[in-house]
Amino acid sequence: MLTNYLTNNFPESMSEFQIVRNSIWADGILIGLVLVTGITFFFGNAYAISAFLVFNTLFSAWLIKNWNFYKNKGI
């Protein structure tokens, strides 16, 4: 809440990274809400839950596969 308040009222005190990060989060949330609303409206709750589980399983597997703390650190 504080970050959003600062972004709206005092943008000069926010770093560019924080503003970009907030924009990415907002875009991702809106895309997710639109997808879930569309799936629920056209196919029903069961399909929305199934799509959520499949996506999160695949995304989690991708994150675990690419998990490397020391990548590009010269170690």
N, C-alpha and C. Protein backbone atom coordinates (compact mmCIF):
# COMPACT_ATOMS: atom_id res chain seq x y z
N MET A 1 0.83 -1.19 0.00
CA MET A 1 0.00 0.00 0.00
C MET A 1 0.87 1.26 0.00
N LEU A 2 1.94 1.24 0.79
CA LEU A 2 2.80 2.41 0.84
C LEU A 2 3.48 2.66 -0.51
N THR A 3 3.91 1.58 -1.16
CA THR A 3 4.55 1.74 -2.46
C THR A 3 3.58 2.32 -3.48
N ASN A 4 2.35 1.85 -3.48
CA ASN A 4 1.35 2.39 -4.40
C ASN A 4 1.06 3.86 -4.09
N TYR A 5 0.99 4.19 -2.83
CA TYR A 5 0.76 5.59 -2.43
C TYR A 5 1.90 6.48 -2.92
N LEU A 6 3.13 6.03 -2.70
CA LEU A 6 4.28 6.82 -3.14
C LEU A 6 4.33 6.95 -4.66
N THR A 7 4.00 5.87 -5.37
CA THR A 7 4.00 5.91 -6.83
C THR A 7 3.00 6.92 -7.35
N ASN A 8 1.82 6.96 -6.76
CA ASN A 8 0.78 7.87 -7.23
C ASN A 8 1.03 9.32 -6.82
N ASN A 9 1.50 9.54 -5.61
CA ASN A 9 1.58 10.90 -5.08
C ASN A 9 2.97 11.52 -5.11
N PHE A 10 4.01 10.70 -5.01
CA PHE A 10 5.39 11.21 -4.98
C PHE A 10 6.28 10.37 -5.91
N PRO A 11 6.00 10.37 -7.22
CA PRO A 11 6.77 9.51 -8.13
C PRO A 11 8.25 9.84 -8.19
N GLU A 12 8.63 11.06 -7.85
CA GLU A 12 10.05 11.43 -7.90
C GLU A 12 10.87 10.71 -6.84
N SER A 13 10.22 10.24 -5.77
CA SER A 13 10.95 9.53 -4.72
C SER A 13 11.04 8.03 -4.98
N MET A 14 10.37 7.56 -6.03
CA MET A 14 10.40 6.13 -6.37
C MET A 14 11.49 5.89 -7.41
N SER A 15 12.18 4.78 -7.28
CA SER A 15 13.17 4.44 -8.29
C SER A 15 12.46 3.85 -9.52
N GLU A 16 13.12 3.91 -10.65
CA GLU A 16 12.54 3.39 -11.90
C GLU A 16 12.24 1.90 -11.76
N PHE A 17 13.12 1.18 -11.07
CA PHE A 17 12.92 -0.26 -10.89
C PHE A 17 11.61 -0.55 -10.16
N GLN A 18 11.32 0.18 -9.10
CA GLN A 18 10.10 -0.04 -8.34
C GLN A 18 8.86 0.23 -9.18
N ILE A 19 8.90 1.26 -10.00
CA ILE A 19 7.76 1.60 -10.85
C ILE A 19 7.56 0.51 -11.89
N VAL A 20 8.63 0.05 -12.51
CA VAL A 20 8.53 -1.03 -13.51
C VAL A 20 8.03 -2.30 -12.86
N ARG A 21 8.55 -2.63 -11.68
CA ARG A 21 8.13 -3.84 -10.98
C ARG A 21 6.64 -3.79 -10.65
N ASN A 22 6.15 -2.65 -10.19
CA ASN A 22 4.73 -2.51 -9.90
C ASN A 22 3.89 -2.65 -11.16
N SER A 23 4.36 -2.11 -12.27
CA SER A 23 3.63 -2.21 -13.52
C SER A 23 3.56 -3.66 -13.99
N ILE A 24 4.65 -4.39 -13.86
CA ILE A 24 4.66 -5.80 -14.27
C ILE A 24 3.69 -6.61 -13.42
N TRP A 25 3.70 -6.37 -12.11
CA TRP A 25 2.76 -7.08 -11.23
C TRP A 25 1.31 -6.76 -11.59
N ALA A 26 1.03 -5.50 -11.85
CA ALA A 26 -0.33 -5.09 -12.20
C ALA A 26 -0.76 -5.71 -13.52
N ASP A 27 0.12 -5.72 -14.51
CA ASP A 27 -0.21 -6.34 -15.80
C ASP A 27 -0.46 -7.83 -15.65
N GLY A 28 0.37 -8.50 -14.88
CA GLY A 28 0.20 -9.94 -14.67
C GLY A 28 -1.10 -10.26 -13.97
N ILE A 29 -1.45 -9.47 -12.99
CA ILE A 29 -2.70 -9.69 -12.26
C ILE A 29 -3.90 -9.49 -13.18
N LEU A 30 -3.87 -8.43 -14.00
CA LEU A 30 -4.98 -8.19 -14.92
C LEU A 30 -5.11 -9.29 -15.97
N ILE A 31 -3.98 -9.76 -16.50
CA ILE A 31 -4.03 -10.85 -17.47
C ILE A 31 -4.61 -12.10 -16.82
N GLY A 32 -4.17 -12.42 -15.61
CA GLY A 32 -4.70 -13.59 -14.92
C GLY A 32 -6.18 -13.48 -14.63
N LEU A 33 -6.63 -12.31 -14.21
CA LEU A 33 -8.05 -12.13 -13.93
C LEU A 33 -8.90 -12.28 -15.20
N VAL A 34 -8.41 -11.73 -16.31
CA VAL A 34 -9.15 -11.86 -17.57
C VAL A 34 -9.21 -13.32 -18.02
N LEU A 35 -8.10 -14.03 -17.90
CA LEU A 35 -8.10 -15.45 -18.30
C LEU A 35 -9.04 -16.28 -17.44
N VAL A 36 -8.97 -16.10 -16.14
CA VAL A 36 -9.83 -16.88 -15.24
C VAL A 36 -11.30 -16.53 -15.45
N THR A 37 -11.59 -15.25 -15.64
CA THR A 37 -12.98 -14.85 -15.89
C THR A 37 -13.49 -15.46 -17.18
N GLY A 38 -12.68 -15.42 -18.23
CA GLY A 38 -13.09 -16.01 -19.51
C GLY A 38 -13.30 -17.51 -19.42
N ILE A 39 -12.36 -18.21 -18.79
CA ILE A 39 -12.50 -19.66 -18.66
C ILE A 39 -13.72 -20.01 -17.81
N THR A 40 -13.91 -19.30 -16.72
CA THR A 40 -15.06 -19.57 -15.86
C THR A 40 -16.37 -19.28 -16.58
N PHE A 41 -16.43 -18.18 -17.30
CA PHE A 41 -17.66 -17.79 -17.99
C PHE A 41 -18.01 -18.78 -19.10
N PHE A 42 -17.04 -19.17 -19.90
CA PHE A 42 -17.32 -20.02 -21.05
C PHE A 42 -17.32 -21.51 -20.74
N PHE A 43 -16.54 -21.94 -19.75
CA PHE A 43 -16.41 -23.39 -19.51
C PHE A 43 -16.85 -23.84 -18.12
N GLY A 44 -16.87 -22.96 -17.14
CA GLY A 44 -17.29 -23.33 -15.80
C GLY A 44 -16.13 -23.38 -14.82
N ASN A 45 -16.48 -23.54 -13.56
CA ASN A 45 -15.49 -23.52 -12.48
C ASN A 45 -14.52 -24.69 -12.54
N ALA A 46 -15.00 -25.86 -12.93
CA ALA A 46 -14.13 -27.04 -12.96
C ALA A 46 -12.97 -26.83 -13.94
N TYR A 47 -13.24 -26.25 -15.09
CA TYR A 47 -12.18 -26.00 -16.06
C TYR A 47 -11.23 -24.92 -15.58
N ALA A 48 -11.75 -23.92 -14.90
CA ALA A 48 -10.89 -22.86 -14.38
C ALA A 48 -9.93 -23.42 -13.33
N ILE A 49 -10.42 -24.25 -12.46
CA ILE A 49 -9.57 -24.87 -11.44
C ILE A 49 -8.55 -25.80 -12.08
N SER A 50 -8.99 -26.58 -13.08
CA SER A 50 -8.08 -27.48 -13.78
C SER A 50 -6.99 -26.70 -14.50
N ALA A 51 -7.35 -25.61 -15.17
CA ALA A 51 -6.35 -24.80 -15.86
C ALA A 51 -5.37 -24.20 -14.87
N PHE A 52 -5.86 -23.76 -13.72
CA PHE A 52 -5.00 -23.21 -12.68
C PHE A 52 -4.00 -24.26 -12.20
N LEU A 53 -4.47 -25.46 -11.93
CA LEU A 53 -3.59 -26.52 -11.44
C LEU A 53 -2.55 -26.92 -12.48
N VAL A 54 -2.96 -27.05 -13.74
CA VAL A 54 -2.03 -27.42 -14.80
C VAL A 54 -0.97 -26.33 -14.98
N PHE A 55 -1.40 -25.08 -15.07
CA PHE A 55 -0.45 -23.99 -15.26
C PHE A 55 0.54 -23.91 -14.11
N ASN A 56 0.04 -23.97 -12.88
CA ASN A 56 0.95 -23.86 -11.72
C ASN A 56 1.90 -25.03 -11.62
N THR A 57 1.44 -26.23 -12.00
CA THR A 57 2.32 -27.39 -11.99
C THR A 57 3.43 -27.23 -13.01
N LEU A 58 3.07 -26.83 -14.23
CA LEU A 58 4.08 -26.64 -15.28
C LEU A 58 5.03 -25.49 -14.93
N PHE A 59 4.50 -24.41 -14.41
CA PHE A 59 5.34 -23.27 -14.04
C PHE A 59 6.28 -23.63 -12.90
N SER A 60 5.79 -24.37 -11.91
CA SER A 60 6.65 -24.80 -10.80
C SER A 60 7.75 -25.72 -11.29
N ALA A 61 7.42 -26.65 -12.20
CA ALA A 61 8.42 -27.55 -12.76
C ALA A 61 9.49 -26.76 -13.52
N TRP A 62 9.07 -25.74 -14.27
CA TRP A 62 10.02 -24.91 -15.01
C TRP A 62 10.93 -24.15 -14.06
N LEU A 63 10.37 -23.61 -12.98
CA LEU A 63 11.19 -22.89 -12.00
C LEU A 63 12.19 -23.81 -11.33
N ILE A 64 11.77 -25.02 -10.97
CA ILE A 64 12.69 -25.97 -10.33
C ILE A 64 13.78 -26.39 -11.30
N LYS A 65 13.41 -26.62 -12.57
CA LYS A 65 14.39 -27.01 -13.58
C LYS A 65 15.45 -25.93 -13.78
N ASN A 66 15.07 -24.68 -13.71
CA ASN A 66 15.99 -23.57 -13.94
C ASN A 66 16.53 -22.95 -12.65
N TRP A 67 16.43 -23.65 -11.55
CA TRP A 67 16.86 -23.16 -10.27
C TRP A 67 18.39 -23.22 -10.18
N ASN A 68 19.03 -22.08 -10.10
CA ASN A 68 20.48 -22.02 -9.97
C ASN A 68 20.85 -20.71 -9.28
N PHE A 69 21.25 -20.82 -8.03
CA PHE A 69 21.60 -19.63 -7.27
C PHE A 69 22.88 -18.97 -7.77
N TYR A 70 23.76 -19.77 -8.38
CA TYR A 70 25.10 -19.28 -8.70
C TYR A 70 25.29 -18.95 -10.17
N LYS A 71 24.24 -18.95 -10.94
CA LYS A 71 24.33 -18.65 -12.35
C LYS A 71 24.81 -17.21 -12.54
N ASN A 72 25.77 -17.00 -13.42
CA ASN A 72 26.34 -15.69 -13.75
C ASN A 72 27.00 -15.00 -12.56
N LYS A 73 27.42 -15.77 -11.57
CA LYS A 73 28.09 -15.17 -10.41
C LYS A 73 29.59 -15.47 -10.41
N GLY A 74 30.05 -16.22 -11.42
CA GLY A 74 31.46 -16.54 -11.50
C GLY A 74 31.91 -17.62 -10.54
N ILE A 75 30.96 -18.37 -9.98
CA ILE A 75 31.32 -19.43 -9.03
C ILE A 75 31.15 -20.77 -9.70
